[in-house]
Every structure is written in C-alpha cells, then in structure tokens.
Amino acid sequence: MSATGARTFPKITQQGLDALRERIGHKIENTAEPWCYEATRDNIRHYAHGIGDDNPLWCDPDYAARTRHGGILALPSFLFATNRIVSGYVGGLPGVHAMWSGSDWTWHKPVRRNDEIRTEAHLKDLVEHETRFAGRAVQQIYHVDFYNQEGDKVAEADSWCFRTERDHAREQGTKYSDVRARTPRRYSPEEIQEACKLYRDEAVRGAEPRYWEDVNEGDALPVMFKGPMTVTGFIAYAQGWGGLYIRANKLAWKLIDAHPGVGITNRFGIPDVPERVHWEEDFAHEVGAPGAYDYGPERASWLTHHLTNWMGDDGFLRQAQCKIRRHNPEGDMLFIKGRVTGKYVENGRHLVRIEQEARNQHDELSVVGSGVVELPSRK
C-alpha cells in the first residue's frame, strides 16, 4: 500500500526491459489458446454482432450464397479472435499494466466459412515513451502472420500495447484530469434519439458494386455511430472476441497459478484479472483510466466496419491501421468519419486510400485510422 492507502503495483525496471528485449525476433512457442481456431458460421456471426455489424455477407448464408463469393466470408477483423497476441496478450514485465493501443493490418486473401486459421508470432520491437497518461511507458510491438488450412497467408499484422505504471497513471497522470472534474453525463431521451438516427440510416453497400471509377478524391464516407458506451456493449464484444484472460473457476485458477502477476485482488480479496478494467469502474480508476472503457481491438474493428460497409460485397480491404488516442469510457458516444485521400492502380489492382478519425461527444479525438480498399473496375 502507498502512503495514501491505495495499493501499489510493480514498476517498469531496466532489468525487466533487458530481459524482454532478449525475446525480440524469436518465434513465440506455446502461445495462449485462441478463442477461435475456425471461421465457422457461428464464430463469424458472434464476432460481427459483437461490434454491431449485421452485414449479411458475414451473417446470412442464403444472402452470401448469391454473391460472387458463393458463401459466407469472415469480416476482416474476425482474425482478432484467432490469436490472443495480436489482441494484446503480452509477455514480460509481470504486473505492469498493458493497454492495447493500435494495429497495422494487411490482408492477402479472404477468410471463408470453415477455414482453419494457424498463426505465428514474434516480438518485433520495444520503444520507450514519455506520456501524459502514465509518464514512462514502453510500446511493445508484436508481429503475427495468419495462415489458412492450405498454408496460404491470408493476413499479417503488427499490433502494440503500451506498458504503463498503474501508480503513476493514477496519482500523477494528467491526461484525464479534465474528465475527472466533469459531472457525469446524463443524456436526455431526445439526445439518445438524435444520435441513434445514425443507426437507423446506416447503409451497408452490399450487392451494389462501388466502382473505382466512380470514386473521387475528397469523397466523404457516411458517419458511423458507435455507442453510447455501456458495459453491456463491452461484454458483447468479449463474447465474440474471447477476451484475453476471461476464465471461470478451475480455469481461472490455472491461469493465475501459472501467471501470478495476472491475479490482482478484488474487494473480496479474490485474485482477479486486470481485464476487469473494462467492467469495473473502481479498478479502471486504479490504473488511471477515466472509467470502465472499451477494448482496443473492438475500436479497431469499428474502423474496419466503417470501411466494409462503404466498399460493398465486391470490394476487398487490403490494409487498415488504427492508432488509439484516448479511452472511450462508459457513457461516451463515438462518431467515425472518413474521407477518400487518393486512388491509384498498383499491380493491376484498383485501390482507394481512406483516412479516418473518430471523436466523442465532446469533440475529443478518440482514434485515427486509415485503410486501402480494392474496388472493382468498370474496365
């Protein structure tokens, strides 16, 4: 315990960093079991519904059978469910908090219904930073390759977490001082109805092709709404994605027994996982966050949802990047905007580059992203 009575957590040490750096470039063996080994109809649908995506190409077998794909595809972000490392399951620095903060994806082939996914991962780099949130922080970057049952590489990704000192974030971090000073927001029914008009009007391009020739630099994508943020919504995502440490009874004990740093006692004195920052407001405050908040891979998936709605069934998402700028605590609303910033032909592919950003109800920047979409050509 600290002098103030708050519990204290492990620090980032040079010894811990040196030990972690020795792992760079080495293939990670015996990785944590993924939530999904296969892209089954149900696994795909559960992930899609976890981010609020009801695109029939992922969710309706009869509809998907009538497309050129001949059946259900997995939405691009589904691959988060097939590897826990790309989703934030970090090694080293036991007891030091990890916040998933971004990803850079490239997709090579679609993932089809019942494809089996195998992954290979390694620690790519460690980068030290000085942050407003927690002072000294370490950006821990992993690379993961994804293969189907034929041995074809379907995608690859870099993803990163920031390792932060919980005590510093709670006691000295300045990033959320203004948020803590605010009176908790309570929306009127009229405000909720106004925001949810975006849900009513959300368009899925679907079977109508969006041709490359019809897209112009400067075109704006429709605004996508996510929220209002609730713990129920965060849990809905975890149901499809699997979470990092969510276990019950004997399996929870086995996890914490093997990795004691994962077990942080709750108000009953019971060791529980740090992932509960997403549903326990008090514990989120202990790590310096403004409240229980959304998952990082969830937010990356919202950005790709924005792109796949726009591109239609005949488009293919080639690349997507996500960089998180602040937490989305319970009660926040999020408005995702995008704009075409370029179009070009490369290796016979007709490509469009899109820049994205999302802001909350206070116009605070929450996340920035980008995507490269391959579209059909009239030629």
Protein backbone atom coordinates (compact mmCIF):
# COMPACT_ATOMS: atom_id res chain seq x y z
CA MET A 1 0.00 0.00 0.00
CA SER A 2 1.11 3.60 -0.62
CA ALA A 3 1.07 6.38 1.97
CA THR A 4 -2.42 7.33 0.74
CA GLY A 5 -3.76 3.84 1.38
CA ALA A 6 -4.01 2.92 -2.29
CA ARG A 7 -2.45 -0.35 -3.33
CA THR A 8 0.85 -0.22 -5.21
CA PHE A 9 1.76 -2.10 -8.35
CA PRO A 10 5.04 -3.34 -9.91
CA LYS A 11 7.24 -0.84 -11.76
CA ILE A 12 8.96 -0.88 -15.13
CA THR A 13 12.58 -1.79 -14.39
CA GLN A 14 15.67 -1.79 -16.56
CA GLN A 15 16.24 -5.43 -15.67
CA GLY A 16 12.74 -6.31 -16.86
CA LEU A 17 13.22 -4.37 -20.10
CA ASP A 18 16.57 -6.00 -20.80
CA ALA A 19 15.07 -9.46 -20.31
CA LEU A 20 12.17 -8.58 -22.61
CA ARG A 21 14.49 -7.23 -25.33
CA GLU A 22 16.21 -10.61 -25.49
CA ARG A 23 12.95 -12.04 -26.86
CA ILE A 24 12.84 -9.73 -29.91
CA GLY A 25 12.73 -11.67 -33.17
CA HIS A 26 12.21 -15.09 -31.58
CA LYS A 27 9.14 -17.08 -32.57
CA ILE A 28 6.73 -17.38 -29.66
CA GLU A 29 6.06 -21.01 -28.86
CA ASN A 30 3.11 -22.34 -26.85
CA THR A 31 1.04 -19.21 -27.32
CA ALA A 32 -2.21 -18.78 -25.43
CA GLU A 33 -5.03 -20.82 -26.91
CA PRO A 34 -7.06 -18.70 -29.35
CA TRP A 35 -10.76 -18.11 -28.88
CA CYS A 36 -11.47 -19.36 -32.41
CA TYR A 37 -9.49 -21.93 -34.40
CA GLU A 38 -12.01 -21.97 -37.24
CA ALA A 39 -14.12 -19.40 -39.06
CA THR A 40 -17.41 -21.21 -38.50
CA ARG A 41 -20.75 -19.65 -39.32
CA ASP A 42 -21.45 -19.03 -35.63
CA ASN A 43 -17.96 -17.75 -34.78
CA ILE A 44 -18.12 -15.23 -37.62
CA ARG A 45 -21.62 -14.09 -36.68
CA HIS A 46 -20.78 -13.77 -32.98
CA TYR A 47 -17.79 -11.57 -33.77
CA ALA A 48 -19.78 -9.43 -36.22
CA HIS A 49 -22.62 -8.95 -33.75
CA GLY A 50 -20.07 -8.14 -31.04
CA ILE A 51 -19.14 -4.97 -32.94
CA GLY A 52 -22.70 -4.22 -34.03
CA ASP A 53 -22.17 -5.34 -37.63
CA ASP A 54 -25.15 -7.05 -39.30
CA ASN A 55 -23.73 -7.21 -42.84
CA PRO A 56 -25.43 -10.22 -44.47
CA LEU A 57 -22.20 -11.19 -46.23
CA TRP A 58 -20.94 -12.30 -42.81
CA CYS A 59 -24.24 -13.25 -41.18
CA ASP A 60 -26.75 -14.61 -43.70
CA PRO A 61 -25.81 -17.85 -45.54
CA ASP A 62 -28.65 -17.52 -48.08
CA TYR A 63 -27.66 -13.99 -48.99
CA ALA A 64 -23.94 -14.82 -49.14
CA ALA A 65 -24.60 -17.80 -51.43
CA ARG A 66 -25.97 -15.41 -54.07
CA THR A 67 -22.83 -13.25 -54.11
CA ARG A 68 -19.76 -13.90 -56.25
CA HIS A 69 -18.14 -15.40 -53.13
CA GLY A 70 -20.67 -18.25 -53.09
CA GLY A 71 -20.91 -18.29 -49.29
CA ILE A 72 -20.21 -16.53 -46.04
CA LEU A 73 -16.97 -14.63 -45.58
CA ALA A 74 -15.39 -13.66 -42.27
CA LEU A 75 -15.27 -9.93 -41.70
CA PRO A 76 -11.63 -8.73 -41.80
CA SER A 77 -11.39 -8.00 -38.07
CA PHE A 78 -12.55 -11.54 -37.18
CA LEU A 79 -8.88 -12.55 -37.16
CA PHE A 80 -8.50 -10.80 -33.80
CA ALA A 81 -10.38 -13.80 -32.38
CA THR A 82 -7.85 -16.28 -33.79
CA ASN A 83 -4.77 -15.01 -31.94
CA ARG A 84 -4.52 -13.52 -28.45
CA ILE A 85 -1.14 -11.90 -29.03
CA VAL A 86 -2.42 -9.61 -31.80
CA SER A 87 -5.21 -8.77 -29.36
CA GLY A 88 -2.91 -7.71 -26.51
CA TYR A 89 -1.73 -10.83 -24.68
CA VAL A 90 1.74 -9.53 -23.83
CA GLY A 91 4.71 -11.23 -22.19
CA GLY A 92 7.29 -9.90 -19.75
CA LEU A 93 7.09 -7.09 -17.14
CA PRO A 94 4.74 -9.03 -14.82
CA GLY A 95 2.22 -6.83 -13.02
CA VAL A 96 2.83 -3.81 -15.28
CA HIS A 97 -0.40 -2.68 -16.93
CA ALA A 98 -0.85 -3.23 -20.68
CA MET A 99 -3.14 -1.10 -22.83
CA TRP A 100 -3.77 -2.21 -26.40
CA SER A 101 -3.13 0.90 -28.48
CA GLY A 102 -3.04 0.16 -32.19
CA SER A 103 -2.57 -2.16 -35.13
CA ASP A 104 -1.43 -2.19 -38.74
CA TRP A 105 -3.06 -4.93 -40.85
CA THR A 106 -2.54 -6.26 -44.37
CA TRP A 107 -4.97 -8.82 -45.82
CA HIS A 108 -3.93 -11.05 -48.73
CA LYS A 109 -6.92 -13.37 -49.16
CA PRO A 110 -10.45 -13.56 -47.81
CA VAL A 111 -11.22 -15.90 -44.93
CA ARG A 112 -14.10 -18.17 -45.90
CA ARG A 113 -16.58 -20.11 -43.84
CA ASN A 114 -14.94 -23.07 -42.05
CA ASP A 115 -11.39 -22.00 -42.87
CA GLU A 116 -8.93 -23.14 -40.19
CA ILE A 117 -6.55 -20.43 -39.03
CA ARG A 118 -2.99 -21.03 -37.84
CA THR A 119 -0.78 -18.19 -36.60
CA GLU A 120 2.89 -17.43 -35.98
CA ALA A 121 4.00 -14.56 -33.77
CA HIS A 122 7.12 -12.83 -32.50
CA LEU A 123 8.04 -9.75 -30.51
CA LYS A 124 9.09 -7.15 -33.06
CA ASP A 125 10.29 -4.15 -31.03
CA LEU A 126 10.23 -2.21 -27.77
CA VAL A 127 10.08 1.59 -27.85
CA GLU A 128 10.25 3.80 -24.75
CA HIS A 129 7.99 6.87 -24.49
CA GLU A 130 7.18 9.66 -22.05
CA THR A 131 3.39 10.08 -21.81
CA ARG A 132 0.86 12.39 -20.18
CA PHE A 133 -1.14 9.34 -19.13
CA ALA A 134 1.48 7.47 -17.13
CA GLY A 135 4.88 9.12 -17.50
CA ARG A 136 7.35 6.46 -18.58
CA ALA A 137 5.77 3.91 -20.90
CA VAL A 138 7.01 1.14 -23.17
CA GLN A 139 5.44 0.41 -26.55
CA GLN A 140 5.57 -3.37 -27.02
CA ILE A 141 5.12 -4.30 -30.70
CA TYR A 142 4.29 -7.79 -31.95
CA HIS A 143 4.05 -9.21 -35.46
CA VAL A 144 1.60 -12.01 -36.28
CA ASP A 145 1.11 -13.96 -39.53
CA PHE A 146 -2.18 -15.75 -40.26
CA TYR A 147 -2.45 -18.87 -42.46
CA ASN A 148 -5.38 -20.99 -43.62
CA GLN A 149 -5.55 -24.78 -43.81
CA GLU A 150 -3.95 -24.72 -47.29
CA GLY A 151 -0.89 -22.93 -45.92
CA ASP A 152 -1.77 -19.66 -47.67
CA LYS A 153 -1.00 -16.49 -45.77
CA VAL A 154 -4.35 -14.72 -45.51
CA ALA A 155 -3.16 -11.74 -43.43
CA GLU A 156 -0.39 -10.25 -41.33
CA ALA A 157 -0.43 -7.60 -38.64
CA ASP A 158 1.65 -5.55 -36.28
CA SER A 159 -0.10 -4.63 -33.05
CA TRP A 160 1.14 -2.83 -29.99
CA CYS A 161 0.40 -2.30 -26.32
CA PHE A 162 1.70 0.42 -24.06
CA ARG A 163 3.02 -0.91 -20.76
CA THR A 164 2.37 1.70 -18.09
CA GLU A 165 2.90 2.06 -14.36
CA ARG A 166 -0.51 1.97 -12.71
CA ASP A 167 0.55 4.02 -9.67
CA HIS A 168 1.95 6.86 -11.79
CA ALA A 169 -1.10 6.90 -14.06
CA ARG A 170 -3.44 7.08 -11.05
CA GLU A 171 -1.53 9.62 -8.96
CA GLN A 172 0.41 11.79 -11.41
CA GLY A 173 -1.07 11.27 -14.88
CA THR A 174 -2.59 14.46 -16.30
CA LYS A 175 -4.32 13.20 -19.45
CA TYR A 176 -7.75 12.76 -17.84
CA SER A 177 -7.67 15.45 -15.15
CA ASP A 178 -10.36 17.41 -17.04
CA VAL A 179 -12.52 14.30 -17.43
CA ARG A 180 -12.36 13.51 -13.71
CA ALA A 181 -13.50 17.05 -12.95
CA ARG A 182 -16.64 16.74 -15.10
CA THR A 183 -20.06 15.95 -13.70
CA PRO A 184 -21.08 12.52 -15.03
CA ARG A 185 -23.05 13.00 -18.24
CA ARG A 186 -26.72 12.02 -18.28
CA TYR A 187 -28.33 12.10 -21.72
CA SER A 188 -31.89 13.16 -22.36
CA PRO A 189 -34.16 10.83 -24.37
CA GLU A 190 -34.01 13.39 -27.18
CA GLU A 191 -30.20 13.29 -27.28
CA ILE A 192 -30.21 9.49 -27.46
CA GLN A 193 -32.82 9.51 -30.23
CA GLU A 194 -30.86 12.10 -32.24
CA ALA A 195 -27.62 10.08 -32.10
CA CYS A 196 -29.41 6.82 -32.91
CA LYS A 197 -30.75 8.27 -36.16
CA LEU A 198 -27.31 7.33 -37.47
CA TYR A 199 -28.11 3.69 -36.67
CA ARG A 200 -31.45 3.97 -38.46
CA ASP A 201 -29.75 5.43 -41.52
CA GLU A 202 -26.63 3.22 -41.51
CA ALA A 203 -26.15 1.90 -45.04
CA VAL A 204 -24.48 -1.38 -45.99
CA ARG A 205 -23.40 -1.11 -49.63
CA GLY A 206 -23.92 -4.81 -50.15
CA ALA A 207 -24.64 -6.18 -53.62
CA GLU A 208 -24.50 -2.83 -55.43
CA PRO A 209 -20.89 -2.56 -56.70
CA ARG A 210 -18.93 0.56 -55.86
CA TYR A 211 -16.72 1.01 -58.91
CA TRP A 212 -13.27 2.54 -58.65
CA GLU A 213 -14.05 4.94 -61.50
CA ASP A 214 -16.99 6.41 -59.55
CA VAL A 215 -14.89 7.34 -56.50
CA ASN A 216 -13.28 10.77 -56.28
CA GLU A 217 -10.57 12.13 -54.03
CA GLY A 218 -12.26 14.15 -51.30
CA ASP A 219 -15.40 11.98 -51.15
CA ALA A 220 -16.69 11.64 -47.60
CA LEU A 221 -17.83 8.32 -46.17
CA PRO A 222 -21.10 8.27 -44.20
CA VAL A 223 -20.60 8.98 -40.49
CA MET A 224 -20.75 5.78 -38.42
CA PHE A 225 -22.06 5.92 -34.86
CA LYS A 226 -20.92 3.64 -32.03
CA GLY A 227 -22.37 3.87 -28.55
CA PRO A 228 -23.47 5.11 -26.18
CA MET A 229 -20.78 3.05 -24.48
CA THR A 230 -22.08 0.56 -21.91
CA VAL A 231 -20.51 -2.31 -20.01
CA THR A 232 -23.10 -4.48 -21.74
CA GLY A 233 -21.62 -3.47 -25.09
CA PHE A 234 -18.08 -4.22 -23.95
CA ILE A 235 -19.17 -7.68 -22.79
CA ALA A 236 -20.99 -8.28 -26.09
CA TYR A 237 -17.67 -7.70 -27.85
CA ALA A 238 -15.86 -10.05 -25.47
CA GLN A 239 -18.42 -12.78 -26.27
CA GLY A 240 -17.40 -12.73 -29.94
CA TRP A 241 -13.72 -11.96 -29.49
CA GLY A 242 -13.00 -14.09 -26.44
CA GLY A 243 -11.10 -11.61 -24.29
CA LEU A 244 -7.57 -12.08 -23.06
CA TYR A 245 -7.93 -13.53 -19.57
CA ILE A 246 -11.64 -14.24 -19.11
CA ARG A 247 -11.79 -17.63 -17.39
CA ALA A 248 -14.07 -19.31 -14.85
CA ASN A 249 -13.47 -21.40 -11.75
CA LYS A 250 -10.72 -24.01 -12.22
CA LEU A 251 -9.52 -22.48 -15.50
CA ALA A 252 -9.25 -19.06 -13.82
CA TRP A 253 -7.20 -20.61 -11.03
CA LYS A 254 -4.92 -22.39 -13.51
CA LEU A 255 -4.25 -19.12 -15.35
CA ILE A 256 -3.40 -17.15 -12.21
CA ASP A 257 -1.45 -20.04 -10.68
CA ALA A 258 0.76 -20.14 -13.80
CA HIS A 259 0.99 -16.33 -14.11
CA PRO A 260 0.66 -14.77 -10.63
CA GLY A 261 1.08 -11.23 -11.99
CA VAL A 262 -2.27 -11.61 -13.73
CA GLY A 263 -4.09 -12.04 -10.41
CA ILE A 264 -4.95 -8.71 -8.76
CA THR A 265 -7.17 -9.00 -5.69
CA ASN A 266 -10.64 -7.52 -5.87
CA ARG A 267 -12.68 -6.07 -2.98
CA PHE A 268 -13.31 -9.58 -1.66
CA GLY A 269 -9.59 -10.41 -1.59
CA ILE A 270 -10.01 -12.75 -4.56
CA PRO A 271 -7.31 -12.69 -7.28
CA ASP A 272 -8.93 -11.49 -10.48
CA VAL A 273 -7.64 -10.42 -13.88
CA PRO A 274 -6.60 -6.90 -14.98
CA GLU A 275 -9.04 -7.18 -17.88
CA ARG A 276 -11.79 -6.16 -15.46
CA VAL A 277 -10.89 -2.52 -16.16
CA HIS A 278 -13.50 -2.97 -18.92
CA TRP A 279 -16.37 -3.63 -16.50
CA GLU A 280 -15.25 -2.42 -13.04
CA GLU A 281 -15.16 1.36 -12.82
CA ASP A 282 -13.29 1.45 -9.49
CA PHE A 283 -10.49 -0.75 -10.81
CA ALA A 284 -10.31 1.31 -14.02
CA HIS A 285 -9.70 4.36 -11.81
CA GLU A 286 -6.88 2.49 -10.05
CA VAL A 287 -4.96 2.21 -13.34
CA GLY A 288 -5.55 5.89 -14.21
CA ALA A 289 -8.41 5.43 -16.71
CA PRO A 290 -11.47 7.73 -16.56
CA GLY A 291 -13.83 4.78 -16.09
CA ALA A 292 -14.62 1.30 -17.40
CA TYR A 293 -13.73 1.52 -21.08
CA ASP A 294 -13.99 -0.24 -24.44
CA TYR A 295 -11.50 -2.78 -25.80
CA GLY A 296 -8.77 -1.63 -28.21
CA PRO A 297 -9.33 -4.38 -30.81
CA GLU A 298 -13.04 -3.55 -30.59
CA ARG A 299 -12.33 0.01 -31.67
CA ALA A 300 -10.02 -1.15 -34.48
CA SER A 301 -12.87 -3.40 -35.63
CA TRP A 302 -15.26 -0.44 -35.68
CA LEU A 303 -12.94 1.35 -38.09
CA THR A 304 -12.84 -1.63 -40.46
CA HIS A 305 -16.64 -1.97 -40.13
CA HIS A 306 -16.85 1.63 -41.38
CA LEU A 307 -14.80 0.65 -44.45
CA THR A 308 -16.55 -2.63 -45.28
CA ASN A 309 -19.99 -1.00 -45.11
CA TRP A 310 -18.78 1.51 -47.70
CA MET A 311 -16.92 -0.79 -50.10
CA GLY A 312 -19.66 -3.39 -50.72
CA ASP A 313 -19.56 -7.13 -51.39
CA ASP A 314 -17.20 -6.80 -54.38
CA GLY A 315 -14.61 -4.74 -52.52
CA PHE A 316 -11.66 -6.15 -50.60
CA LEU A 317 -10.00 -4.48 -47.64
CA ARG A 318 -6.26 -4.65 -48.29
CA GLN A 319 -4.84 -2.59 -45.43
CA ALA A 320 -6.05 -0.88 -42.27
CA GLN A 321 -4.30 0.98 -39.49
CA CYS A 322 -5.63 2.07 -36.11
CA LYS A 323 -3.99 4.35 -33.53
CA ILE A 324 -5.86 4.91 -30.28
CA ARG A 325 -5.62 8.39 -28.75
CA ARG A 326 -7.78 8.17 -25.61
CA HIS A 327 -10.10 5.82 -23.71
CA ASN A 328 -13.81 5.53 -24.52
CA PRO A 329 -15.29 5.20 -21.02
CA GLU A 330 -18.80 4.04 -20.24
CA GLY A 331 -21.24 6.77 -21.29
CA ASP A 332 -19.26 8.04 -24.28
CA MET A 333 -20.58 8.29 -27.81
CA LEU A 334 -18.30 7.88 -30.82
CA PHE A 335 -18.68 9.31 -34.32
CA ILE A 336 -16.45 7.83 -37.04
CA LYS A 337 -15.71 9.91 -40.14
CA GLY A 338 -13.72 9.08 -43.25
CA ARG A 339 -12.57 10.72 -46.45
CA VAL A 340 -11.01 9.45 -49.68
CA THR A 341 -7.48 10.83 -49.89
CA GLY A 342 -6.22 9.06 -53.02
CA LYS A 343 -6.88 6.48 -55.73
CA TYR A 344 -4.36 4.58 -57.80
CA VAL A 345 -3.65 1.36 -59.71
CA GLU A 346 -0.95 -0.98 -58.41
CA ASN A 347 -0.16 -4.45 -59.76
CA GLY A 348 -3.43 -4.41 -61.65
CA ARG A 349 -5.45 -3.62 -58.52
CA HIS A 350 -7.70 -0.56 -58.40
CA LEU A 351 -7.11 0.91 -54.96
CA VAL A 352 -8.56 3.71 -52.86
CA ARG A 353 -6.93 5.21 -49.76
CA ILE A 354 -9.17 6.45 -46.97
CA GLU A 355 -8.25 8.42 -43.83
CA GLN A 356 -10.44 8.08 -40.74
CA GLU A 357 -10.88 9.69 -37.36
CA ALA A 358 -13.40 9.28 -34.56
CA ARG A 359 -14.37 11.83 -31.93
CA ASN A 360 -16.56 11.60 -28.87
CA GLN A 361 -19.50 13.76 -27.81
CA HIS A 362 -17.06 16.43 -26.53
CA ASP A 363 -15.27 16.51 -29.91
CA GLU A 364 -12.20 14.91 -28.31
CA LEU A 365 -10.12 12.80 -30.68
CA SER A 366 -10.51 9.12 -29.76
CA VAL A 367 -8.83 7.24 -32.60
CA VAL A 368 -7.28 7.80 -36.02
CA GLY A 369 -7.12 5.23 -38.77
CA SER A 370 -6.65 4.60 -42.44
CA GLY A 371 -7.50 1.96 -44.98
CA VAL A 372 -6.69 0.82 -48.50
CA VAL A 373 -9.68 -0.69 -50.29
CA GLU A 374 -9.55 -2.60 -53.57
CA LEU A 375 -12.64 -1.89 -55.68
CA PRO A 376 -13.96 -3.44 -58.89
CA SER A 377 -13.26 -1.53 -62.09
CA ARG A 378 -15.66 -0.94 -64.95
CA LYS A 379 -12.79 -1.93 -67.26
